Amino acid sequence: MTLTHLFTKLTENPSPETEEALRLHSIKLLNRCFPPVPAAPAEPTESTQSVDAELKDLADALRTPKLRPVFTSTAAELLRSFLKQVLSVHISSAGTLLKLQFPSTTPTPPDDEAEPDDSDSLMMGPVLLQTLRVLGNACIDHDPTRLLLLQDDLLGRLLPLFAHPDLMVSTIAQIVFINLLTGYPAAQRAAVEAGAVTTLLEVIEREGDGGDCGSALRGLGLVLQTQEKEEEGGGQLITQLDKIVQVLLRHVCRDIDLYERTLTLDNLISALAHEPGKAAIDTREGLTSLLRALEDAATVSADAREVNFFPNADEELLGEQSDADDEEIDNEYDEDEGEWKRARKELDRVLGDVEFARDSVDDEILLTWLQGSSEELWITACVLLGNVATLEDVCVEFVHNAFHRHLVRIMGTAKEKEAVHFAAGFLRNLAIPPKNKDVIASVEGCWDVLRGLWEGEDVRLRIDGVGVCRMLVNMNLSNSSYLMLGPGLFDPLMNVIPTTEEKNGVRDDPHLEIERARTIAAVLRTLHFAHNPALLMPMTKHDRTASALACLVTQSTWPALQAEGFLALALLGKTNQQGRAQVREVLKSKVVGEVVHEVLGLSSEKGVRENARVCVVECTAEGEAEGDGRLKVLREMALVLDVPIGLAREMPVSTQSSYLEREQGDGHAPWR
């Protein structure tokens, strides 16, 4: 009876007799492969199978989850002892392969077919490989087995095999390592303490070009999941992050397939989650290495992007890690493309959180990307450059070098919504400095592109388009005037939220409503302070202007926006009778009236209260409030306040707003 039969029998019908049979069978294996054990029985083995063939059958059987618990039973102790002895045979310090004391059961090819002499490797190869398969499959998703193997110092025996001269042995040893660590934090911490990081980095460096580092990269990714706690081994990992990043940056620039690039990228993303990792990439050399690698990957033709989630050696000798892996292998090409896109998107998110030093970013490389046709590279370039564009002189420099022209083109032609989104974010930052506003707005097709975004179906892109417009018109007379008088611009801006949605109280996104209101408010301020109210006629003729501004007043999260809203309503009311009538209707509404009543109390912020008083007094002149109880009460409350009537003022926008750029006046902030 073979090992597999005994395991199956012990699973289906546990009994002392079956346990004893497994124990005796394990002793026979020890006798056949190692010097005799004193307590071993003298009778010959019942099995006619070779040791490696029997272990192969057992490894295959252990791919069935119900058999795995038997591996940890007392009856299997001698079998585990045998497997540990096999693993202990590895390369000596002199590089000489130690031999297992058993005859090779692998047929020796005839002399004319013989391969280069490597008798030592032939001697140990079959049993060692099948031993690794047994261990690797036994610990798949089975924590009791993994705990037992950790206690038996499996890591200490396994890590030296990563440097084995036989690539098959090295690869399968790494797959066992992956199975041991997957979903098991205790093993991940133990791996860090056992020096696995150094060993894995040596594999990646050694294999380099042309080698297969997929398993090592997967193993490193699991190690990088170790929690950042000194007592759990995470502290050791943190001290190695700089070296990890440097090795990964060198590897990602090598001639490797997209599968390995994706794994390398994933590991870089994990390393960049910690400050030491960010510091390692925030250098000219480090970031440029990453950019060059991304550039190379983007130019790889689709038919050359081959995936190999389970390299052939692993698939044949170790088997699948889980029952779902067959589907992954059947869809290798699609998985390859999908995984790369996922990793690229995640990398862009992580890079957006790194505040790179100005001299770390190579403008020429990124400008070349913007001039090209790869939307994948457009996104990364806009993320990096948008976050660098946080100072006025930097933004002016970018516009001087015509970056804005490429952004307008991207916003109008990109198929990927992410490309449009990040290009708009970058352009919005460039539009903040006064020097840049007219230059950007004068680019051919700029206003058409913005109008196209306003009229599009994607709500986020509508927000982006309105946000760029707000920066262009804010305190800029020519752009504000063009928005009012230009062909077909103001109505599309007002209709960025359809009338039916406003009437039904439906909102795709409250941020869109607020962004539109802030743009209207910016135009009101700009044209009113320019003493040219005639330009505001299109706005006062539109019957939804005041109601669009009301959202700034009714929201309570950002008091600064409330002050901005009251200021805009006051200016709209001061423009002409039409504007005044619109504001009165808004103040008479129940929702806005209740907010104004509360704001005029002493509990609100002073700036909000001042602007609310001015709005009420300016737009409800004596006699106009008569006949409406709510307006009359609000006017009486406003007149009681000890605030001088005059031009309302705007508060600086709060730096705590989550979706607006941080600004004091027109300050800058990294784009997210």
Foldseek 3Di string as FASTA:
>chain_A
DALLVLLVCCLVPNDPVSLVVLLLQLQQVCVQWAPHDVPHDDDHDPDPDDLLVRLLVLLVSLLPVSSLVVCLDPSNPSVVVVLVVLLQQAQDPVRDGDATRHAQPDDQDPPVPHDPDDVRCSRSPRNNLSSLLNLQSSLQVPVVSLVVCVVVVVVVSLLRQCPGPPVLSNLSSLSSLLRSQVPPLLSLLVCLVVVVVVSLLCSLVVQAAPRDSLSSLSNLLSNLVHDCDVVSNNVSVLVCLLVLLVSLLSRLLGPDALQVVLSSLSSLLSSLVDPSSLVSCLAQVNVVSVLNSVVVNLPDDLVRRFFCNPPPSCCVRNNDSHPPVVVCVVPGSVVSVVSSVVSLVSSLVSLLVRQHDPNNDDVVSLLVLLVDDRLSSLLSSLSNLLSPLQDLVSLVVCVVVVVLLSLLVCLQDPPDPSSNLSSLSSLLSSLLDPVCLVSNVPRPCNLVSLLCQLPDDDLSSVLSSLSSLLSNLQLDVVSLLCCLPPPPRVVSLVCSPPPVCVVVVHDPDVSSLLSSLSSLLRSLVNCVVVVNLVSCVSVLVDLCNLVSLCSLCLDDPWLLSNLSSLLSLLSLLVSDPSSLVSSVVVCLDPRNLVSLVVLLDPPHDPLNNQSSLLNLPSSQPPPNQPPRVSSVVSPVSSVPDPHDHDRRDGAATDCPDDQDAHDGSSGGHRGD
